[in-house]
């Protein structure tokens, strides 16, 4: 039983390492696909997270110019899925978002 548990644990560790997305450091984000990276936008926004086809996808953090922050899931550059919006005053909305809007 211990041997089986050891095999399972090692397999999970290998799977996590083998399929981690690479960090992208090229300034030309139009080439970013299936990677992780940080992009700063002209309007003082920053997105750090996963990219696919030059769009925020899967999981990431967006910091807005007013200091508020969204941490959670993305789909094709839109806030979609489970996440948390944290505002400057400390208040939070946590739950499901669709097309950038909080669903109650």
PDB file of N, CA and C in Angstrom:
ATOM      1  N   UNK A   1       0.820  -1.185   0.000  1.00  0.00           N
ATOM      2  CA  UNK A   1       0.000   0.000   0.000  1.00  0.00           C
ATOM      3  C   UNK A   1       0.869   1.256   0.000  1.00  0.00           C
ATOM      4  N   UNK A   2       1.951   1.252   0.798  1.00  0.00           N
ATOM      5  CA  UNK A   2       2.844   2.405   0.844  1.00  0.00           C
ATOM      6  C   UNK A   2       3.519   2.612  -0.510  1.00  0.00           C
ATOM      7  N   UNK A   3       3.826   1.513  -1.180  1.00  0.00           N
ATOM      8  CA  UNK A   3       4.479   1.596  -2.484  1.00  0.00           C
ATOM      9  C   UNK A   3       3.534   2.258  -3.501  1.00  0.00           C
ATOM     10  N   UNK A   4       2.273   1.869  -3.476  1.00  0.00           N
ATOM     11  CA  UNK A   4       1.285   2.438  -4.380  1.00  0.00           C
ATOM     12  C   UNK A   4       1.108   3.934  -4.106  1.00  0.00           C
ATOM     13  N   UNK A   5       1.037   4.300  -2.841  1.00  0.00           N
ATOM     14  CA  UNK A   5       0.904   5.700  -2.464  1.00  0.00           C
ATOM     15  C   UNK A   5       2.117   6.497  -2.950  1.00  0.00           C
ATOM     16  N   UNK A   6       3.298   5.949  -2.808  1.00  0.00           N
ATOM     17  CA  UNK A   6       4.516   6.602  -3.268  1.00  0.00           C
ATOM     18  C   UNK A   6       4.504   6.820  -4.769  1.00  0.00           C
ATOM     19  N   UNK A   7       4.035   5.842  -5.512  1.00  0.00           N
ATOM     20  CA  UNK A   7       3.964   5.950  -6.971  1.00  0.00           C
ATOM     21  C   UNK A   7       2.974   7.051  -7.368  1.00  0.00           C
ATOM     22  N   UNK A   8       1.843   7.088  -6.699  1.00  0.00           N
ATOM     23  CA  UNK A   8       0.833   8.111  -6.998  1.00  0.00           C
ATOM     24  C   UNK A   8       1.396   9.508  -6.718  1.00  0.00           C
ATOM     25  N   UNK A   9       2.034   9.698  -5.580  1.00  0.00           N
ATOM     26  CA  UNK A   9       2.584  11.002  -5.210  1.00  0.00           C
ATOM     27  C   UNK A   9       3.656  11.431  -6.208  1.00  0.00           C
ATOM     28  N   UNK A  10       4.558  10.543  -6.553  1.00  0.00           N
ATOM     29  CA  UNK A  10       5.606  10.871  -7.518  1.00  0.00           C
ATOM     30  C   UNK A  10       5.023  11.192  -8.890  1.00  0.00           C
ATOM     31  N   UNK A  11       3.999  10.461  -9.277  1.00  0.00           N
ATOM     32  CA  UNK A  11       3.355  10.718 -10.566  1.00  0.00           C
ATOM     33  C   UNK A  11       2.729  12.102 -10.593  1.00  0.00           C
ATOM     34  N   UNK A  12       2.067  12.484  -9.506  1.00  0.00           N
ATOM     35  CA  UNK A  12       1.449  13.806  -9.440  1.00  0.00           C
ATOM     36  C   UNK A  12       2.495  14.917  -9.473  1.00  0.00           C
ATOM     37  N   UNK A  13       3.613  14.720  -8.792  1.00  0.00           N
ATOM     38  CA  UNK A  13       4.681  15.714  -8.823  1.00  0.00           C
ATOM     39  C   UNK A  13       5.257  15.852 -10.231  1.00  0.00           C
ATOM     40  N   UNK A  14       5.457  14.749 -10.913  1.00  0.00           N
ATOM     41  CA  UNK A  14       5.984  14.786 -12.277  1.00  0.00           C
ATOM     42  C   UNK A  14       4.996  15.467 -13.202  1.00  0.00           C
ATOM     43  N   UNK A  15       3.728  15.144 -13.087  1.00  0.00           N
ATOM     44  CA  UNK A  15       2.690  15.726 -13.950  1.00  0.00           C
ATOM     45  C   UNK A  15       2.658  17.239 -13.793  1.00  0.00           C
ATOM     46  N   UNK A  16       2.742  17.726 -12.568  1.00  0.00           N
ATOM     47  CA  UNK A  16       2.706  19.159 -12.307  1.00  0.00           C
ATOM     48  C   UNK A  16       3.906  19.858 -12.930  1.00  0.00           C
ATOM     49  N   UNK A  17       5.086  19.296 -12.835  1.00  0.00           N
ATOM     50  CA  UNK A  17       6.292  19.896 -13.379  1.00  0.00           C
ATOM     51  C   UNK A  17       6.332  19.794 -14.892  1.00  0.00           C
ATOM     52  N   UNK A  18       5.929  18.674 -15.435  1.00  0.00           N
ATOM     53  CA  UNK A  18       6.029  18.440 -16.862  1.00  0.00           C
ATOM     54  C   UNK A  18       5.089  19.320 -17.664  1.00  0.00           C
ATOM     55  N   UNK A  19       3.982  19.731 -17.099  1.00  0.00           N
ATOM     56  CA  UNK A  19       3.000  20.481 -17.844  1.00  0.00           C
ATOM     57  C   UNK A  19       2.857  21.932 -17.388  1.00  0.00           C
ATOM     58  N   UNK A  20       3.826  22.451 -16.650  1.00  0.00           N
ATOM     59  CA  UNK A  20       3.790  23.854 -16.243  1.00  0.00           C
ATOM     60  C   UNK A  20       4.037  24.728 -17.474  1.00  0.00           C
ATOM     61  N   UNK A  21       3.349  25.857 -17.541  1.00  0.00           N
ATOM     62  CA  UNK A  21       3.515  26.755 -18.674  1.00  0.00           C
ATOM     63  C   UNK A  21       4.819  27.524 -18.545  1.00  0.00           C
ATOM     64  N   UNK A  22       5.513  27.747 -19.663  1.00  0.00           N
ATOM     65  CA  UNK A  22       6.761  28.514 -19.598  1.00  0.00           C
ATOM     66  C   UNK A  22       6.482  30.001 -19.396  1.00  0.00           C
ATOM     67  N   UNK A  23       7.424  30.697 -18.777  1.00  0.00           N
ATOM     68  CA  UNK A  23       7.336  32.146 -18.639  1.00  0.00           C
ATOM     69  C   UNK A  23       7.788  32.766 -19.953  1.00  0.00           C
ATOM     70  N   UNK A  24       7.102  33.806 -20.383  1.00  0.00           N
ATOM     71  CA  UNK A  24       7.463  34.474 -21.622  1.00  0.00           C
ATOM     72  C   UNK A  24       8.056  35.831 -21.290  1.00  0.00           C
ATOM     73  N   UNK A  25       9.214  36.125 -21.864  1.00  0.00           N
ATOM     74  CA  UNK A  25       9.891  37.374 -21.544  1.00  0.00           C
ATOM     75  C   UNK A  25      10.000  38.309 -22.742  1.00  0.00           C
ATOM     76  N   UNK A  26       9.615  37.869 -23.922  1.00  0.00           N
ATOM     77  CA  UNK A  26       9.666  38.709 -25.114  1.00  0.00           C
ATOM     78  C   UNK A  26       8.691  39.867 -24.963  1.00  0.00           C
ATOM     79  N   UNK A  27       9.118  41.071 -25.278  1.00  0.00           N
ATOM     80  CA  UNK A  27       8.258  42.249 -25.148  1.00  0.00           C
ATOM     81  C   UNK A  27       7.087  42.217 -26.120  1.00  0.00           C
ATOM     82  N   UNK A  28       7.218  41.509 -27.235  1.00  0.00           N
ATOM     83  CA  UNK A  28       6.162  41.445 -28.242  1.00  0.00           C
ATOM     84  C   UNK A  28       5.124  40.409 -27.815  1.00  0.00           C
ATOM     85  N   UNK A  29       4.090  40.882 -27.101  1.00  0.00           N
ATOM     86  CA  UNK A  29       3.093  39.962 -26.554  1.00  0.00           C
ATOM     87  C   UNK A  29       2.215  39.345 -27.629  1.00  0.00           C
ATOM     88  N   UNK A  30       2.295  39.829 -28.867  1.00  0.00           N
ATOM     89  CA  UNK A  30       1.481  39.230 -29.933  1.00  0.00           C
ATOM     90  C   UNK A  30       1.898  37.791 -30.204  1.00  0.00           C
ATOM     91  N   UNK A  31       3.067  37.419 -29.740  1.00  0.00           N
ATOM     92  CA  UNK A  31       3.567  36.051 -29.917  1.00  0.00           C
ATOM     93  C   UNK A  31       3.228  35.145 -28.731  1.00  0.00           C
ATOM     94  N   UNK A  32       2.634  35.702 -27.681  1.00  0.00           N
ATOM     95  CA  UNK A  32       2.406  34.940 -26.457  1.00  0.00           C
ATOM     96  C   UNK A  32       1.272  33.937 -26.663  1.00  0.00           C
ATOM     97  N   UNK A  33       1.581  32.666 -26.500  1.00  0.00           N
ATOM     98  CA  UNK A  33       0.554  31.639 -26.529  1.00  0.00           C
ATOM     99  C   UNK A  33       1.003  30.461 -25.678  1.00  0.00           C
ATOM    100  N   UNK A  34       0.098  29.943 -24.882  1.00  0.00           N
ATOM    101  CA  UNK A  34       0.370  28.822 -23.986  1.00  0.00           C
ATOM    102  C   UNK A  34       1.599  29.096 -23.120  1.00  0.00           C
ATOM    103  N   UNK A  35       1.547  30.235 -22.412  1.00  0.00           N
ATOM    104  CA  UNK A  35       2.665  30.617 -21.550  1.00  0.00           C
ATOM    105  C   UNK A  35       2.133  31.481 -20.406  1.00  0.00           C
ATOM    106  N   UNK A  36       3.033  31.882 -19.528  1.00  0.00           N
ATOM    107  CA  UNK A  36       2.723  32.819 -18.460  1.00  0.00           C
ATOM    108  C   UNK A  36       3.540  34.076 -18.684  1.00  0.00           C
ATOM    109  N   UNK A  37       2.971  35.215 -18.335  1.00  0.00           N
ATOM    110  CA  UNK A  37       3.708  36.452 -18.500  1.00  0.00           C
ATOM    111  C   UNK A  37       3.000  37.615 -17.849  1.00  0.00           C
ATOM    112  N   UNK A  38       3.688  38.751 -17.814  1.00  0.00           N
ATOM    113  CA  UNK A  38       3.135  39.979 -17.261  1.00  0.00           C
ATOM    114  C   UNK A  38       3.155  41.041 -18.342  1.00  0.00           C
ATOM    115  N   UNK A  39       2.025  41.733 -18.495  1.00  0.00           N
ATOM    116  CA  UNK A  39       1.935  42.803 -19.478  1.00  0.00           C
ATOM    117  C   UNK A  39       1.376  44.040 -18.802  1.00  0.00           C
ATOM    118  N   UNK A  40       2.054  45.158 -19.028  1.00  0.00           N
ATOM    119  CA  UNK A  40       1.581  46.450 -18.532  1.00  0.00           C
ATOM    120  C   UNK A  40       0.961  47.195 -19.696  1.00  0.00           C
ATOM    121  N   UNK A  41      -0.224  47.736 -19.481  1.00  0.00           N
ATOM    122  CA  UNK A  41      -0.962  48.444 -20.516  1.00  0.00           C
ATOM    123  C   UNK A  41      -0.802  49.952 -20.336  1.00  0.00           C
ATOM    124  N   UNK A  42      -1.104  50.716 -21.376  1.00  0.00           N
ATOM    125  CA  UNK A  42      -0.958  52.175 -21.363  1.00  0.00           C
ATOM    126  C   UNK A  42      -1.789  52.851 -20.279  1.00  0.00           C
ATOM    127  N   UNK A  43      -2.955  52.315 -19.952  1.00  0.00           N
ATOM    128  CA  UNK A  43      -3.856  52.953 -18.986  1.00  0.00           C
ATOM    129  C   UNK A  43      -3.590  52.507 -17.549  1.00  0.00           C
ATOM    130  N   UNK A  44      -2.334  52.143 -17.276  1.00  0.00           N
ATOM    131  CA  UNK A  44      -1.899  51.787 -15.922  1.00  0.00           C
ATOM    132  C   UNK A  44      -2.518  50.500 -15.401  1.00  0.00           C
ATOM    133  N   UNK A  45      -2.894  49.596 -16.282  1.00  0.00           N
ATOM    134  CA  UNK A  45      -3.375  48.265 -15.907  1.00  0.00           C
ATOM    135  C   UNK A  45      -2.230  47.278 -16.047  1.00  0.00           C
ATOM    136  N   UNK A  46      -2.241  46.248 -15.212  1.00  0.00           N
ATOM    137  CA  UNK A  46      -1.249  45.179 -15.311  1.00  0.00           C
ATOM    138  C   UNK A  46      -1.963  43.845 -15.230  1.00  0.00           C
ATOM    139  N   UNK A  47      -1.614  42.928 -16.138  1.00  0.00           N
ATOM    140  CA  UNK A  47      -2.129  41.558 -16.079  1.00  0.00           C
ATOM    141  C   UNK A  47      -0.945  40.618 -15.946  1.00  0.00           C
ATOM    142  N   UNK A  48      -1.007  39.746 -14.947  1.00  0.00           N
ATOM    143  CA  UNK A  48      -0.010  38.705 -14.747  1.00  0.00           C
ATOM    144  C   UNK A  48      -0.739  37.383 -14.711  1.00  0.00           C
ATOM    145  N   UNK A  49      -0.353  36.480 -15.594  1.00  0.00           N
ATOM    146  CA  UNK A  49      -1.009  35.178 -15.596  1.00  0.00           C
ATOM    147  C   UNK A  49      -0.784  34.417 -16.875  1.00  0.00           C
ATOM    148  N   UNK A  50      -1.737  33.557 -17.173  1.00  0.00           N
ATOM    149  CA  UNK A  50      -1.631  32.670 -18.320  1.00  0.00           C
ATOM    150  C   UNK A  50      -2.161  33.342 -19.582  1.00  0.00           C
ATOM    151  N   UNK A  51      -1.512  33.036 -20.701  1.00  0.00           N
ATOM    152  CA  UNK A  51      -1.849  33.613 -22.000  1.00  0.00           C
ATOM    153  C   UNK A  51      -2.088  32.506 -23.007  1.00  0.00           C
ATOM    154  N   UNK A  52      -3.004  32.743 -23.925  1.00  0.00           N
ATOM    155  CA  UNK A  52      -3.223  31.851 -25.057  1.00  0.00           C
ATOM    156  C   UNK A  52      -3.616  32.726 -26.247  1.00  0.00           C
ATOM    157  N   UNK A  53      -2.882  32.605 -27.336  1.00  0.00           N
ATOM    158  CA  UNK A  53      -3.157  33.386 -28.545  1.00  0.00           C
ATOM    159  C   UNK A  53      -3.242  34.880 -28.250  1.00  0.00           C
ATOM    160  N   UNK A  54      -2.286  35.386 -27.479  1.00  0.00           N
ATOM    161  CA  UNK A  54      -2.181  36.800 -27.130  1.00  0.00           C
ATOM    162  C   UNK A  54      -3.366  37.317 -26.314  1.00  0.00           C
ATOM    163  N   UNK A  55      -4.073  36.429 -25.618  1.00  0.00           N
ATOM    164  CA  UNK A  55      -5.190  36.839 -24.770  1.00  0.00           C
ATOM    165  C   UNK A  55      -5.043  36.214 -23.382  1.00  0.00           C
ATOM    166  N   UNK A  56      -5.494  36.953 -22.371  1.00  0.00           N
ATOM    167  CA  UNK A  56      -5.521  36.412 -21.016  1.00  0.00           C
ATOM    168  C   UNK A  56      -6.462  35.213 -21.002  1.00  0.00           C
ATOM    169  N   UNK A  57      -5.974  34.087 -20.499  1.00  0.00           N
ATOM    170  CA  UNK A  57      -6.761  32.861 -20.451  1.00  0.00           C
ATOM    171  C   UNK A  57      -6.412  32.056 -19.219  1.00  0.00           C
ATOM    172  N   UNK A  58      -7.395  31.348 -18.710  1.00  0.00           N
ATOM    173  CA  UNK A  58      -7.282  30.448 -17.566  1.00  0.00           C
ATOM    174  C   UNK A  58      -7.171  31.197 -16.259  1.00  0.00           C
ATOM    175  N   UNK A  59      -5.973  31.393 -15.704  1.00  0.00           N
ATOM    176  CA  UNK A  59      -5.850  32.036 -14.387  1.00  0.00           C
ATOM    177  C   UNK A  59      -4.898  33.224 -14.459  1.00  0.00           C
ATOM    178  N   UNK A  60      -5.290  34.299 -13.768  1.00  0.00           N
ATOM    179  CA  UNK A  60      -4.431  35.467 -13.759  1.00  0.00           C
ATOM    180  C   UNK A  60      -4.901  36.527 -12.783  1.00  0.00           C
ATOM    181  N   UNK A  61      -4.090  37.572 -12.681  1.00  0.00           N
ATOM    182  CA  UNK A  61      -4.364  38.690 -11.783  1.00  0.00           C
ATOM    183  C   UNK A  61      -4.287  39.975 -12.599  1.00  0.00           C
ATOM    184  N   UNK A  62      -5.329  40.779 -12.518  1.00  0.00           N
ATOM    185  CA  UNK A  62      -5.324  42.078 -13.182  1.00  0.00           C
ATOM    186  C   UNK A  62      -5.407  43.146 -12.118  1.00  0.00           C
ATOM    187  N   UNK A  63      -4.452  44.076 -12.155  1.00  0.00           N
ATOM    188  CA  UNK A  63      -4.439  45.205 -11.244  1.00  0.00           C
ATOM    189  C   UNK A  63      -4.870  46.431 -12.037  1.00  0.00           C
ATOM    190  N   UNK A  64      -5.899  47.101 -11.555  1.00  0.00           N
ATOM    191  CA  UNK A  64      -6.473  48.251 -12.232  1.00  0.00           C
ATOM    192  C   UNK A  64      -5.783  49.540 -11.790  1.00  0.00           C
ATOM    193  N   UNK A  65      -5.969  50.603 -12.557  1.00  0.00           N
ATOM    194  CA  UNK A  65      -5.293  51.870 -12.286  1.00  0.00           C
ATOM    195  C   UNK A  65      -5.667  52.462 -10.924  1.00  0.00           C
ATOM    196  N   UNK A  66      -6.858  52.149 -10.406  1.00  0.00           N
ATOM    197  CA  UNK A  66      -7.266  52.663  -9.091  1.00  0.00           C
ATOM    198  C   UNK A  66      -6.761  51.805  -7.937  1.00  0.00           C
ATOM    199  N   UNK A  67      -6.025  50.725  -8.244  1.00  0.00           N
ATOM    200  CA  UNK A  67      -5.464  49.854  -7.216  1.00  0.00           C
ATOM    201  C   UNK A  67      -6.306  48.635  -6.905  1.00  0.00           C
ATOM    202  N   UNK A  68      -7.526  48.564  -7.426  1.00  0.00           N
ATOM    203  CA  UNK A  68      -8.337  47.361  -7.218  1.00  0.00           C
ATOM    204  C   UNK A  68      -7.739  46.220  -8.022  1.00  0.00           C
ATOM    205  N   UNK A  69      -8.107  44.997  -7.640  1.00  0.00           N
ATOM    206  CA  UNK A  69      -7.462  43.833  -8.222  1.00  0.00           C
ATOM    207  C   UNK A  69      -8.458  42.690  -8.406  1.00  0.00           C
ATOM    208  N   UNK A  70      -8.383  42.040  -9.578  1.00  0.00           N
ATOM    209  CA  UNK A  70      -9.168  40.824  -9.819  1.00  0.00           C
ATOM    210  C   UNK A  70      -8.197  39.658  -9.877  1.00  0.00           C
ATOM    211  N   UNK A  71      -8.500  38.612  -9.106  1.00  0.00           N
ATOM    212  CA  UNK A  71      -7.706  37.391  -9.113  1.00  0.00           C
ATOM    213  C   UNK A  71      -8.646  36.248  -9.426  1.00  0.00           C
ATOM    214  N   UNK A  72      -8.370  35.531 -10.512  1.00  0.00           N
ATOM    215  CA  UNK A  72      -9.250  34.419 -10.844  1.00  0.00           C
ATOM    216  C   UNK A  72      -9.125  33.961 -12.279  1.00  0.00           C
ATOM    217  N   UNK A  73     -10.246  33.456 -12.796  1.00  0.00           N
ATOM    218  CA  UNK A  73     -10.265  32.818 -14.100  1.00  0.00           C
ATOM    219  C   UNK A  73     -10.593  33.803 -15.221  1.00  0.00           C
ATOM    220  N   UNK A  74     -10.032  33.499 -16.391  1.00  0.00           N
ATOM    221  CA  UNK A  74     -10.187  34.323 -17.595  1.00  0.00           C
ATOM    222  C   UNK A  74     -10.535  33.437 -18.772  1.00  0.00           C
ATOM    223  N   UNK A  75     -11.185  34.029 -19.757  1.00  0.00           N
ATOM    224  CA  UNK A  75     -11.440  33.338 -21.020  1.00  0.00           C
ATOM    225  C   UNK A  75     -11.407  34.383 -22.129  1.00  0.00           C
ATOM    226  N   UNK A  76     -10.481  34.217 -23.046  1.00  0.00           N
ATOM    227  CA  UNK A  76     -10.338  35.103 -24.202  1.00  0.00           C
ATOM    228  C   UNK A  76     -10.366  36.581 -23.821  1.00  0.00           C
ATOM    229  N   UNK A  77      -9.508  36.963 -22.899  1.00  0.00           N
ATOM    230  CA  UNK A  77      -9.330  38.347 -22.439  1.00  0.00           C
ATOM    231  C   UNK A  77     -10.468  38.890 -21.589  1.00  0.00           C
ATOM    232  N   UNK A  78     -11.426  38.065 -21.208  1.00  0.00           N
ATOM    233  CA  UNK A  78     -12.547  38.493 -20.367  1.00  0.00           C
ATOM    234  C   UNK A  78     -12.514  37.778 -19.024  1.00  0.00           C
ATOM    235  N   UNK A  79     -12.917  38.481 -17.983  1.00  0.00           N
ATOM    236  CA  UNK A  79     -13.071  37.872 -16.665  1.00  0.00           C
ATOM    237  C   UNK A  79     -14.242  36.896 -16.763  1.00  0.00           C
ATOM    238  N   UNK A  80     -13.958  35.620 -16.595  1.00  0.00           N
ATOM    239  CA  UNK A  80     -14.978  34.574 -16.711  1.00  0.00           C
ATOM    240  C   UNK A  80     -14.635  33.419 -15.783  1.00  0.00           C
ATOM    241  N   UNK A  81     -15.573  33.030 -14.938  1.00  0.00           N
ATOM    242  CA  UNK A  81     -15.359  31.907 -14.032  1.00  0.00           C
ATOM    243  C   UNK A  81     -15.269  32.363 -12.592  1.00  0.00           C
ATOM    244  N   UNK A  82     -14.621  31.563 -11.784  1.00  0.00           N
ATOM    245  CA  UNK A  82     -14.491  31.848 -10.355  1.00  0.00           C
ATOM    246  C   UNK A  82     -13.368  32.843 -10.121  1.00  0.00           C
ATOM    247  N   UNK A  83     -13.636  33.821  -9.250  1.00  0.00           N
ATOM    248  CA  UNK A  83     -12.603  34.797  -8.942  1.00  0.00           C
ATOM    249  C   UNK A  83     -13.002  35.717  -7.811  1.00  0.00           C
ATOM    250  N   UNK A  84     -12.082  36.608  -7.474  1.00  0.00           N
ATOM    251  CA  UNK A  84     -12.303  37.574  -6.402  1.00  0.00           C
ATOM    252  C   UNK A  84     -11.883  38.958  -6.872  1.00  0.00           C
ATOM    253  N   UNK A  85     -12.782  39.910  -6.737  1.00  0.00           N
ATOM    254  CA  UNK A  85     -12.480  41.308  -7.022  1.00  0.00           C
ATOM    255  C   UNK A  85     -12.263  41.990  -5.684  1.00  0.00           C
ATOM    256  N   UNK A  86     -11.088  42.568  -5.483  1.00  0.00           N
ATOM    257  CA  UNK A  86     -10.754  43.243  -4.238  1.00  0.00           C
ATOM    258  C   UNK A  86     -10.605  44.737  -4.527  1.00  0.00           C
ATOM    259  N   UNK A  87     -11.337  45.544  -3.782  1.00  0.00           N
ATOM    260  CA  UNK A  87     -11.320  46.990  -3.991  1.00  0.00           C
ATOM    261  C   UNK A  87     -10.375  47.659  -3.008  1.00  0.00           C
ATOM    262  N   UNK A  88     -10.035  48.899  -3.284  1.00  0.00           N
ATOM    263  CA  UNK A  88      -9.077  49.644  -2.482  1.00  0.00           C
ATOM    264  C   UNK A  88      -9.489  49.760  -1.021  1.00  0.00           C
ATOM    265  N   UNK A  89     -10.795  49.842  -0.757  1.00  0.00           N
ATOM    266  CA  UNK A  89     -11.268  49.965   0.629  1.00  0.00           C
ATOM    267  C   UNK A  89     -11.282  48.624   1.369  1.00  0.00           C
ATOM    268  N   UNK A  90     -10.838  47.541   0.691  1.00  0.00           N
ATOM    269  CA  UNK A  90     -10.776  46.223   1.316  1.00  0.00           C
ATOM    270  C   UNK A  90     -11.992  45.359   1.068  1.00  0.00           C
ATOM    271  N   UNK A  91     -13.057  45.932   0.521  1.00  0.00           N
ATOM    272  CA  UNK A  91     -14.242  45.124   0.238  1.00  0.00           C
ATOM    273  C   UNK A  91     -13.960  44.172  -0.922  1.00  0.00           C
ATOM    274  N   UNK A  92     -14.683  43.037  -0.922  1.00  0.00           N
ATOM    275  CA  UNK A  92     -14.435  41.999  -1.922  1.00  0.00           C
ATOM    276  C   UNK A  92     -15.739  41.432  -2.457  1.00  0.00           C
ATOM    277  N   UNK A  93     -15.710  41.069  -3.717  1.00  0.00           N
ATOM    278  CA  UNK A  93     -16.744  40.246  -4.328  1.00  0.00           C
ATOM    279  C   UNK A  93     -16.061  38.957  -4.719  1.00  0.00           C
ATOM    280  N   UNK A  94     -16.544  37.841  -4.205  1.00  0.00           N
ATOM    281  CA  UNK A  94     -15.968  36.548  -4.555  1.00  0.00           C
ATOM    282  C   UNK A  94     -17.081  35.663  -5.090  1.00  0.00           C
ATOM    283  N   UNK A  95     -16.795  34.964  -6.154  1.00  0.00           N
ATOM    284  CA  UNK A  95     -17.783  34.075  -6.734  1.00  0.00           C
ATOM    285  C   UNK A  95     -17.620  33.959  -8.225  1.00  0.00           C
ATOM    286  N   UNK A  96     -18.735  33.902  -8.923  1.00  0.00           N
ATOM    287  CA  UNK A  96     -18.739  33.660 -10.371  1.00  0.00           C
ATOM    288  C   UNK A  96     -18.856  34.968 -11.152  1.00  0.00           C
ATOM    289  N   UNK A  97     -18.028  35.065 -12.180  1.00  0.00           N
ATOM    290  CA  UNK A  97     -18.056  36.208 -13.081  1.00  0.00           C
ATOM    291  C   UNK A  97     -18.319  35.702 -14.495  1.00  0.00           C
ATOM    292  N   UNK A  98     -19.034  36.481 -15.275  1.00  0.00           N
ATOM    293  CA  UNK A  98     -19.267  36.153 -16.681  1.00  0.00           C
ATOM    294  C   UNK A  98     -19.148  37.440 -17.487  1.00  0.00           C
ATOM    295  N   UNK A  99     -18.312  37.390 -18.512  1.00  0.00           N
ATOM    296  CA  UNK A  99     -18.068  38.560 -19.362  1.00  0.00           C
ATOM    297  C   UNK A  99     -17.742  39.810 -18.552  1.00  0.00           C
ATOM    298  N   UNK A 100     -16.945  39.638 -17.497  1.00  0.00           N
ATOM    299  CA  UNK A 100     -16.501  40.756 -16.679  1.00  0.00           C
ATOM    300  C   UNK A 100     -17.470  41.237 -15.641  1.00  0.00           C
ATOM    301  N   UNK A 101     -18.631  40.606 -15.522  1.00  0.00           N
ATOM    302  CA  UNK A 101     -19.640  41.038 -14.549  1.00  0.00           C
ATOM    303  C   UNK A 101     -19.837  39.976 -13.485  1.00  0.00           C
ATOM    304  N   UNK A 102     -20.044  40.443 -12.247  1.00  0.00           N
ATOM    305  CA  UNK A 102     -20.269  39.547 -11.115  1.00  0.00           C
ATOM    306  C   UNK A 102     -21.670  38.975 -11.191  1.00  0.00           C
ATOM    307  N   UNK A 103     -21.796  37.650 -11.063  1.00  0.00           N
ATOM    308  CA  UNK A 103     -23.088  36.973 -11.065  1.00  0.00           C
ATOM    309  C   UNK A 103     -23.442  36.633  -9.629  1.00  0.00           C
ATOM    310  N   UNK A 104     -24.587  37.080  -9.168  1.00  0.00           N
ATOM    311  CA  UNK A 104     -25.000  36.806  -7.779  1.00  0.00           C
ATOM    312  C   UNK A 104     -25.643  35.470  -7.647  1.00  0.00           C
TER     313      UNK A 104
END
